[in-house]
Amino acid sequence: MPAMSTVKAKTDSISLTAEASRVPQQGRSRASYERMLTAAEKLMVKRGNDDFTLTEVAKAGKVSIGSIYLRFDSKDDLIRAVHGRVLTEIGEEQDAMMAQIRQNTSTLDEFSRQFVEAYAELLKRFSPVLRPIMFRAIYDQSISALGRSSAENLEREAEAQFLRFADEFGRPDHQRLVSNVFRMIYYTLARFLGLGSSPEAANQGNWEELKEDLAIMCPAFLRAKT
């Protein structure tokens, strides 16, 4: 199965940002626009939610309220633009991550160990901004749809790489097996990091041990016979 890159997710995120805002192309205006996004993102990370005002964004980003409304119709549009930029950054890192792992692994155990380690640390690094965004996705359909698209792109890529070692699998339904492996990895890491609807469950256990155990469990599950 050919690997599917995150190019579509990047295109979608850029499209969403363009719809939600009027993105400037010139240097000074572009710099001001980026400060708006950066200020909003920092406020989201600091508070763990999107409970901030555009006045606070203006102050933190050293821009005027008028310039914010020149680019965005509402705070909701600003948050969606932040989300689009974050997903673009994640997509670029995911592409680089998967390319490196694909090049450096030749066995199922190696791939499982390197994928779990790299993906876990990527999620951990972006978790402060992903937490408030994912909470908002519960009721914001545009953010939910774009986030799901980005996650599905990585899922397809990871599954394709696990399928390189299908001759080691203990059962014949290979696609089902690799789909369940990816979900096991993602949901376990996401729960530890407090991503989703249960942030109170975050940081339960030992992070290093969790990664080690996941890397061992995945090949064992794939090789298990009925």
Protein backbone atom coordinates (compact mmCIF):
# COMPACT_ATOMS: atom_id res chain seq x y z
CA MET A 1 0.00 0.00 0.00
CA PRO A 2 1.58 3.34 -0.96
CA ALA A 3 2.38 5.68 1.90
CA MET A 4 0.14 8.70 2.16
CA SER A 5 1.89 11.93 3.11
CA THR A 6 0.50 14.84 5.10
CA VAL A 7 0.45 17.11 2.04
CA LYS A 8 -3.36 17.05 1.94
CA ALA A 9 -3.53 17.99 5.61
CA LYS A 10 -1.17 20.90 4.97
CA THR A 11 -3.26 22.08 2.03
CA ASP A 12 -6.45 21.78 4.05
CA SER A 13 -4.96 23.69 6.98
CA ILE A 14 -3.78 26.49 4.71
CA SER A 15 -7.21 26.58 3.10
CA LEU A 16 -8.94 26.79 6.46
CA THR A 17 -6.62 29.57 7.58
CA ALA A 18 -7.33 31.50 4.40
CA GLU A 19 -11.08 31.08 4.86
CA ALA A 20 -10.97 32.17 8.50
CA SER A 21 -8.72 35.15 7.89
CA ARG A 22 -7.38 37.51 5.30
CA VAL A 23 -3.76 36.42 5.15
CA PRO A 24 -1.37 39.26 4.18
CA GLN A 25 1.49 38.63 1.78
CA GLN A 26 3.68 41.67 2.40
CA GLY A 27 6.51 41.65 4.93
CA ARG A 28 5.39 44.06 7.65
CA SER A 29 1.74 43.04 7.48
CA ARG A 30 2.71 39.38 7.46
CA ALA A 31 4.88 39.86 10.54
CA SER A 32 1.97 41.54 12.34
CA TYR A 33 -0.34 38.69 11.34
CA GLU A 34 2.10 36.09 12.68
CA ARG A 35 2.35 37.98 15.97
CA MET A 36 -1.44 37.75 16.32
CA LEU A 37 -1.34 33.98 15.87
CA THR A 38 1.65 33.58 18.18
CA ALA A 39 0.05 35.70 20.89
CA ALA A 40 -3.21 33.76 20.72
CA GLU A 41 -1.36 30.45 20.81
CA LYS A 42 0.69 31.49 23.85
CA LEU A 43 -2.46 32.56 25.68
CA MET A 44 -4.08 29.22 24.92
CA VAL A 45 -1.04 27.34 26.20
CA LYS A 46 -0.75 29.47 29.33
CA ARG A 47 -4.41 29.06 30.32
CA GLY A 48 -5.07 25.63 28.93
CA ASN A 49 -8.17 26.89 27.13
CA ASP A 50 -9.33 29.60 24.73
CA ASP A 51 -10.76 31.84 27.44
CA PHE A 52 -9.02 35.04 26.40
CA THR A 53 -10.07 38.28 24.74
CA LEU A 54 -8.90 39.90 21.54
CA THR A 55 -7.76 42.84 23.66
CA GLU A 56 -5.34 40.47 25.39
CA VAL A 57 -4.14 39.19 22.03
CA ALA A 58 -3.57 42.74 20.84
CA LYS A 59 -1.54 43.59 23.94
CA ALA A 60 0.53 40.38 23.87
CA GLY A 61 1.14 40.61 20.12
CA LYS A 62 1.83 44.35 20.10
CA VAL A 63 -0.86 44.96 17.49
CA SER A 64 -4.02 47.04 17.48
CA ILE A 65 -7.54 45.69 17.86
CA GLY A 66 -8.32 47.25 14.50
CA SER A 67 -5.56 45.29 12.80
CA ILE A 68 -6.91 42.05 14.30
CA TYR A 69 -10.39 42.74 12.95
CA LEU A 70 -8.82 43.61 9.62
CA ARG A 71 -7.62 39.99 9.41
CA PHE A 72 -10.27 38.10 11.39
CA ASP A 73 -14.02 38.44 11.71
CA SER A 74 -14.04 36.99 15.24
CA LYS A 75 -12.00 35.29 17.93
CA ASP A 76 -13.26 31.97 16.61
CA ASP A 77 -11.67 32.71 13.23
CA LEU A 78 -8.38 33.61 14.94
CA ILE A 79 -8.38 30.32 16.86
CA ARG A 80 -9.06 28.38 13.67
CA ALA A 81 -6.10 30.10 12.02
CA VAL A 82 -3.91 29.16 14.99
CA HIS A 83 -5.09 25.58 14.59
CA GLY A 84 -4.25 25.61 10.90
CA ARG A 85 -0.73 26.84 11.59
CA VAL A 86 -0.18 24.27 14.35
CA LEU A 87 -1.35 21.44 12.08
CA THR A 88 0.99 22.59 9.33
CA GLU A 89 3.91 22.49 11.78
CA ILE A 90 2.89 19.05 13.03
CA GLY A 91 2.45 17.78 9.48
CA GLU A 92 5.94 18.88 8.49
CA GLU A 93 7.46 17.22 11.55
CA GLN A 94 5.47 14.05 10.96
CA ASP A 95 6.69 13.84 7.36
CA ALA A 96 10.32 14.23 8.46
CA MET A 97 9.81 11.76 11.32
CA MET A 98 8.34 9.04 9.12
CA ALA A 99 10.97 9.49 6.42
CA GLN A 100 13.77 9.10 8.96
CA ILE A 101 12.20 6.07 10.64
CA ARG A 102 11.50 4.41 7.31
CA GLN A 103 15.14 4.87 6.30
CA ASN A 104 16.59 3.67 9.61
CA THR A 105 14.52 0.55 10.32
CA SER A 106 14.58 -2.87 8.72
CA THR A 107 12.74 -5.02 11.29
CA LEU A 108 9.33 -4.88 12.95
CA ASP A 109 10.85 -4.45 16.41
CA GLU A 110 13.06 -1.58 15.25
CA PHE A 111 10.19 0.19 13.55
CA SER A 112 7.88 -0.22 16.53
CA ARG A 113 10.49 1.12 18.96
CA GLN A 114 11.48 4.11 16.84
CA PHE A 115 7.93 5.01 15.83
CA VAL A 116 6.59 4.89 19.38
CA GLU A 117 9.51 6.94 20.69
CA ALA A 118 9.38 9.62 17.97
CA TYR A 119 5.60 9.91 17.84
CA ALA A 120 5.30 10.04 21.61
CA GLU A 121 7.80 12.88 21.87
CA LEU A 122 6.17 14.77 19.00
CA LEU A 123 2.77 14.57 20.69
CA LYS A 124 4.30 15.57 24.01
CA ARG A 125 6.00 18.61 22.49
CA PHE A 126 2.77 19.87 20.90
CA SER A 127 0.45 18.76 23.73
CA PRO A 128 0.27 22.17 25.48
CA VAL A 129 -1.41 23.74 22.43
CA LEU A 130 -3.23 20.58 21.32
CA ARG A 131 -5.08 20.27 24.65
CA PRO A 132 -7.15 23.46 24.33
CA ILE A 133 -7.62 22.92 20.59
CA MET A 134 -8.90 19.36 21.07
CA PHE A 135 -11.25 20.49 23.83
CA ARG A 136 -12.65 23.11 21.47
CA ALA A 137 -13.01 20.48 18.74
CA ILE A 138 -15.78 18.89 20.81
CA TYR A 139 -18.13 21.67 19.66
CA ASP A 140 -16.28 23.29 16.72
CA GLN A 141 -16.89 21.08 13.69
CA SER A 142 -14.35 22.77 11.41
CA ILE A 143 -11.54 22.26 13.91
CA SER A 144 -12.70 18.70 14.56
CA ALA A 145 -12.76 17.82 10.85
CA LEU A 146 -9.33 19.28 10.11
CA GLY A 147 -7.74 17.63 13.14
CA ARG A 148 -9.23 14.29 12.17
CA SER A 149 -7.90 14.64 8.61
CA SER A 150 -4.38 15.30 9.88
CA ALA A 151 -4.50 12.34 12.27
CA GLU A 152 -5.83 10.01 9.57
CA ASN A 153 -2.96 10.91 7.24
CA LEU A 154 -0.39 9.85 9.82
CA GLU A 155 -2.42 6.75 10.64
CA ARG A 156 -2.33 5.63 7.01
CA GLU A 157 1.40 6.26 6.77
CA ALA A 158 2.16 4.37 10.00
CA GLU A 159 -0.06 1.46 8.98
CA ALA A 160 1.70 1.24 5.62
CA GLN A 161 5.05 1.03 7.39
CA PHE A 162 3.87 -1.66 9.81
CA LEU A 163 2.60 -3.61 6.78
CA ARG A 164 6.17 -3.84 5.47
CA PHE A 165 6.56 -6.63 8.02
CA ALA A 166 3.27 -8.40 7.34
CA ASP A 167 5.02 -11.72 6.77
CA GLU A 168 5.65 -11.81 10.54
CA PHE A 169 2.01 -11.29 11.49
CA GLY A 170 0.32 -14.18 13.23
CA ARG A 171 -3.15 -13.67 11.76
CA PRO A 172 -4.37 -13.04 8.21
CA ASP A 173 -6.38 -9.82 8.64
CA HIS A 174 -3.34 -7.55 8.31
CA GLN A 175 -5.17 -4.24 7.84
CA ARG A 176 -7.28 -4.76 10.94
CA LEU A 177 -4.18 -5.62 12.95
CA VAL A 178 -2.18 -2.53 11.98
CA SER A 179 -5.21 -0.26 12.43
CA ASN A 180 -5.65 -1.56 15.97
CA VAL A 181 -1.95 -1.16 16.69
CA PHE A 182 -1.99 2.50 15.67
CA ARG A 183 -5.10 3.18 17.74
CA MET A 184 -3.51 1.47 20.73
CA ILE A 185 -0.44 3.68 20.42
CA TYR A 186 -2.34 6.92 19.85
CA TYR A 187 -5.03 6.50 22.51
CA THR A 188 -2.54 5.37 25.14
CA LEU A 189 -0.22 8.32 24.52
CA ALA A 190 -3.10 10.81 24.19
CA ARG A 191 -4.61 9.70 27.50
CA PHE A 192 -1.29 10.08 29.30
CA LEU A 193 -0.83 13.58 27.82
CA GLY A 194 -4.38 14.68 28.62
CA LEU A 195 -5.42 15.12 25.00
CA GLY A 196 -9.15 14.84 24.49
CA SER A 197 -12.13 14.85 26.81
CA SER A 198 -10.40 13.48 29.95
CA PRO A 199 -7.50 15.83 30.82
CA GLU A 200 -7.75 14.80 34.47
CA ALA A 201 -6.29 11.39 33.49
CA ALA A 202 -3.01 12.97 32.36
CA ASN A 203 0.42 11.98 33.69
CA GLN A 204 -0.67 8.76 35.34
CA GLY A 205 2.31 6.42 35.40
CA ASN A 206 5.86 6.63 34.11
CA TRP A 207 6.32 8.16 30.65
CA GLU A 208 9.53 6.31 29.78
CA GLU A 209 8.14 2.98 30.91
CA LEU A 210 4.94 3.60 28.97
CA LYS A 211 6.87 4.15 25.73
CA GLU A 212 8.99 1.06 26.34
CA ASP A 213 5.97 -1.13 27.07
CA LEU A 214 4.09 0.11 23.99
CA ALA A 215 7.08 -0.59 21.75
CA ILE A 216 7.19 -4.17 23.06
CA MET A 217 3.43 -4.79 23.01
CA CYS A 218 2.86 -3.76 19.39
CA PRO A 219 5.06 -6.41 17.71
CA ALA A 220 3.81 -9.00 20.22
CA PHE A 221 0.20 -8.21 19.28
CA LEU A 222 0.95 -8.36 15.55
CA ARG A 223 2.74 -11.71 15.86
CA ALA A 224 0.14 -13.28 18.16
CA LYS A 225 -1.73 -16.25 16.73
CA THR A 226 -5.37 -17.13 17.36
